[in-house]
C-alpha atoms as a PDB file:
ATOM      1  CA  MET A   1       0.660  11.522  11.416  1.00  0.00           C
ATOM      2  CA  PRO A   2      -1.346  14.560  10.294  1.00  0.00           C
ATOM      3  CA  PHE A   3       0.640  14.686   7.053  1.00  0.00           C
ATOM      4  CA  MET A   4      -0.048  11.011   6.463  1.00  0.00           C
ATOM      5  CA  PHE A   5      -3.750  11.710   6.850  1.00  0.00           C
ATOM      6  CA  LEU A   6      -3.588  14.626   4.401  1.00  0.00           C
ATOM      7  CA  ILE A   7      -1.696  12.536   1.852  1.00  0.00           C
ATOM      8  CA  ALA A   8      -4.289   9.775   2.231  1.00  0.00           C
ATOM      9  CA  VAL A   9      -7.171  12.210   1.673  1.00  0.00           C
ATOM     10  CA  PHE A  10      -5.526  13.711  -1.415  1.00  0.00           C
ATOM     11  CA  SER A  11      -4.752  10.221  -2.715  1.00  0.00           C
ATOM     12  CA  ILE A  12      -8.342   9.107  -2.302  1.00  0.00           C
ATOM     13  CA  PHE A  13      -9.470  12.246  -4.109  1.00  0.00           C
ATOM     14  CA  GLY A  14      -7.022  11.465  -6.940  1.00  0.00           C
ATOM     15  CA  LEU A  15      -8.201   7.869  -7.133  1.00  0.00           C
ATOM     16  CA  SER A  16     -11.820   8.934  -7.337  1.00  0.00           C
ATOM     17  CA  TRP A  17     -10.968  11.456 -10.054  1.00  0.00           C
ATOM     18  CA  ILE A  18      -9.171   8.813 -12.121  1.00  0.00           C
ATOM     19  CA  ILE A  19     -11.953   6.270 -11.655  1.00  0.00           C
ATOM     20  CA  VAL A  20     -14.740   8.703 -12.562  1.00  0.00           C
ATOM     21  CA  ARG A  21     -13.132  10.852 -15.272  1.00  0.00           C
ATOM     22  CA  VAL A  22     -10.720   8.604 -17.161  1.00  0.00           C
ATOM     23  CA  ASP A  23     -11.820   6.205 -19.875  1.00  0.00           C
ATOM     24  CA  PRO A  24      -9.563   3.137 -19.621  1.00  0.00           C
ATOM     25  CA  GLN A  25      -9.898   2.353 -23.321  1.00  0.00           C
ATOM     26  CA  ASN A  26      -8.431   5.697 -24.430  1.00  0.00           C
ATOM     27  CA  ALA A  27      -6.112   6.443 -21.494  1.00  0.00           C
ATOM     28  CA  ARG A  28      -2.376   6.822 -21.900  1.00  0.00           C
ATOM     29  CA  TRP A  29       0.076   4.601 -20.028  1.00  0.00           C
ATOM     30  CA  TYR A  30       1.088   7.285 -17.539  1.00  0.00           C
ATOM     31  CA  ILE A  31      -2.505   7.474 -16.238  1.00  0.00           C
ATOM     32  CA  PHE A  32      -2.223   3.831 -15.188  1.00  0.00           C
ATOM     33  CA  VAL A  33       1.175   4.435 -13.580  1.00  0.00           C
ATOM     34  CA  LEU A  34      -0.280   7.420 -11.735  1.00  0.00           C
ATOM     35  CA  PHE A  35      -3.214   5.257 -10.632  1.00  0.00           C
ATOM     36  CA  ILE A  36      -0.898   2.614  -9.182  1.00  0.00           C
ATOM     37  CA  LEU A  37       1.267   5.225  -7.394  1.00  0.00           C
ATOM     38  CA  ILE A  38      -1.766   6.974  -5.926  1.00  0.00           C
ATOM     39  CA  LEU A  39      -3.250   3.621  -4.892  1.00  0.00           C
ATOM     40  CA  PHE A  40       0.016   2.739  -3.162  1.00  0.00           C
ATOM     41  CA  SER A  41       0.164   6.050  -1.302  1.00  0.00           C
ATOM     42  CA  ALA A  42      -3.488   5.873  -0.217  1.00  0.00           C
ATOM     43  CA  ILE A  43      -3.191   2.338   1.140  1.00  0.00           C
ATOM     44  CA  PHE A  44       0.208   3.061   2.685  1.00  0.00           C
ATOM     45  CA  CYS A  45      -0.944   6.179   4.530  1.00  0.00           C
ATOM     46  CA  LEU A  46      -4.272   4.816   5.744  1.00  0.00           C
ATOM     47  CA  SER A  47      -2.861   1.501   6.909  1.00  0.00           C
ATOM     48  CA  THR A  48       0.080   3.219   8.621  1.00  0.00           C
ATOM     49  CA  ILE A  49      -2.324   5.315  10.645  1.00  0.00           C
ATOM     50  CA  ALA A  50      -4.514   2.306  11.420  1.00  0.00           C
ATOM     51  CA  PHE A  51      -1.565   0.107  12.465  1.00  0.00           C
ATOM     52  CA  TYR A  52      -0.086   2.879  14.606  1.00  0.00           C
ATOM     53  CA  PHE A  53      -3.281   3.357  16.585  1.00  0.00           C
ATOM     54  CA  LEU A  54      -3.832  -0.386  16.806  1.00  0.00           C
ATOM     55  CA  ASN A  55      -0.307  -0.919  18.162  1.00  0.00           C
ATOM     56  CA  ALA A  56      -0.703   1.969  20.595  1.00  0.00           C
ATOM     57  CA  LYS A  57      -3.996   0.511  21.833  1.00  0.00           C
ATOM     58  CA  ILE A  58      -2.619  -3.003  22.286  1.00  0.00           C
ATOM     59  CA  HIS A  59       0.816  -2.137  23.735  1.00  0.00           C
ATOM     60  CA  LYS A  60       0.195   0.644  26.212  1.00  0.00           C
ATOM     61  CA  GLY A  61       3.164   2.165  27.977  1.00  0.00           C
ATOM     62  CA  GLN A  62       5.822   1.361  25.379  1.00  0.00           C
ATOM     63  CA  LYS A  63       7.817   3.696  23.155  1.00  0.00           C
ATOM     64  CA  SER A  64       5.930   5.118  20.213  1.00  0.00           C
ATOM     65  CA  ASN A  65       8.972   5.058  17.888  1.00  0.00           C
ATOM     66  CA  SER A  66       8.790   1.286  17.681  1.00  0.00           C
ATOM     67  CA  PHE A  67       5.075   1.549  16.894  1.00  0.00           C
ATOM     68  CA  LEU A  68       5.771   3.962  14.078  1.00  0.00           C
ATOM     69  CA  TYR A  69       8.579   1.848  12.614  1.00  0.00           C
ATOM     70  CA  SER A  70       6.587  -1.383  12.646  1.00  0.00           C
ATOM     71  CA  SER A  71       3.494   0.408  11.326  1.00  0.00           C
ATOM     72  CA  PHE A  72       5.464   1.746   8.356  1.00  0.00           C
ATOM     73  CA  LYS A  73       6.861  -1.701   7.659  1.00  0.00           C
ATOM     74  CA  TYR A  74       3.478  -3.472   7.747  1.00  0.00           C
ATOM     75  CA  ALA A  75       1.802  -0.736   5.736  1.00  0.00           C
ATOM     76  CA  PHE A  76       4.510  -0.819   3.077  1.00  0.00           C
ATOM     77  CA  LEU A  77       4.105  -4.552   2.595  1.00  0.00           C
ATOM     78  CA  ILE A  78       0.319  -4.335   2.331  1.00  0.00           C
ATOM     79  CA  ALA A  79       0.430  -1.357  -0.043  1.00  0.00           C
ATOM     80  CA  PHE A  80       3.114  -3.012  -2.169  1.00  0.00           C
ATOM     81  CA  LEU A  81       1.045  -6.183  -2.479  1.00  0.00           C
ATOM     82  CA  ALA A  82      -2.104  -4.256  -3.385  1.00  0.00           C
ATOM     83  CA  SER A  83      -0.344  -2.139  -5.990  1.00  0.00           C
ATOM     84  CA  LEU A  84       1.370  -5.206  -7.446  1.00  0.00           C
ATOM     85  CA  ILE A  85      -1.973  -6.965  -7.839  1.00  0.00           C
ATOM     86  CA  ALA A  86      -3.485  -3.796  -9.333  1.00  0.00           C
ATOM     87  CA  ALA A  87      -0.620  -3.629 -11.837  1.00  0.00           C
ATOM     88  CA  LEU A  88      -1.245  -7.250 -12.787  1.00  0.00           C
ATOM     89  CA  ALA A  89      -4.918  -6.475 -13.277  1.00  0.00           C
ATOM     90  CA  ILE A  90      -4.172  -3.436 -15.447  1.00  0.00           C
ATOM     91  CA  LEU A  91      -1.791  -5.471 -17.596  1.00  0.00           C
ATOM     92  CA  GLN A  92      -4.476  -8.191 -17.812  1.00  0.00           C
ATOM     93  CA  GLN A  93      -2.102 -10.729 -16.298  1.00  0.00           C
ATOM     94  CA  ALA A  94      -4.054 -11.343 -13.092  1.00  0.00           C
ATOM     95  CA  SER A  95      -4.488 -15.071 -12.803  1.00  0.00           C
ATOM     96  CA  LEU A  96      -4.601 -17.172  -9.675  1.00  0.00           C
ATOM     97  CA  PHE A  97      -1.037 -18.342 -10.250  1.00  0.00           C
ATOM     98  CA  ASN A  98       0.313 -14.800 -10.695  1.00  0.00           C
ATOM     99  CA  ILE A  99      -1.496 -13.526  -7.618  1.00  0.00           C
ATOM    100  CA  ILE A 100      -0.140 -16.424  -5.555  1.00  0.00           C
ATOM    101  CA  LEU A 101       3.355 -15.614  -6.854  1.00  0.00           C
ATOM    102  CA  ALA A 102       2.890 -11.946  -5.876  1.00  0.00           C
ATOM    103  CA  ILE A 103       1.766 -12.945  -2.386  1.00  0.00           C
ATOM    104  CA  LEU A 104       4.763 -15.258  -2.047  1.00  0.00           C
ATOM    105  CA  ALA A 105       7.145 -12.544  -3.240  1.00  0.00           C
ATOM    106  CA  VAL A 106       5.846 -10.036  -0.696  1.00  0.00           C
ATOM    107  CA  SER A 107       5.883 -12.720   2.009  1.00  0.00           C
ATOM    108  CA  PHE A 108       9.514 -13.517   1.255  1.00  0.00           C
ATOM    109  CA  LEU A 109      10.294  -9.795   1.333  1.00  0.00           C
ATOM    110  CA  ALA A 110       8.661  -9.555   4.763  1.00  0.00           C
ATOM    111  CA  LEU A 111      10.515 -12.624   5.983  1.00  0.00           C
ATOM    112  CA  TRP A 112      13.816 -11.257   4.675  1.00  0.00           C
ATOM    113  CA  SER A 113      13.231  -7.913   6.401  1.00  0.00           C
ATOM    114  CA  TYR A 114      12.634  -9.651   9.749  1.00  0.00           C
ATOM    115  CA  VAL A 115      15.353 -12.275   9.494  1.00  0.00           C
ATOM    116  CA  GLY A 116      17.897  -9.889   7.991  1.00  0.00           C
ATOM    117  CA  ARG A 117      17.837  -7.587  11.033  1.00  0.00           C
ATOM    118  CA  LYS A 118      20.473  -8.003  13.702  1.00  0.00           C
END
């Protein structure tokens, strides 16, 4: 968990640097890819930590490995959805229909990950 916090802090620093210093009109394509990757890692790390402590608070006395596994899974889905919507916005393809399709795709991925387990 401490490494997740450090990655989140460095990711937020990187996001703030990109937002403040980079002109989107003159930026190269790899700046936008870096932005999406850093956004994914920031949301993933922060929501993993939040979900872990929330699960530990709600379900006292259970094994922490299950908390960590479910926290990673929830955080991945949220970070993937946020980075997918950010990519749509960068490509100027963010419409209501495309965002609904992205939400459905991530929802089906979540459903498949729960139903596909044995």
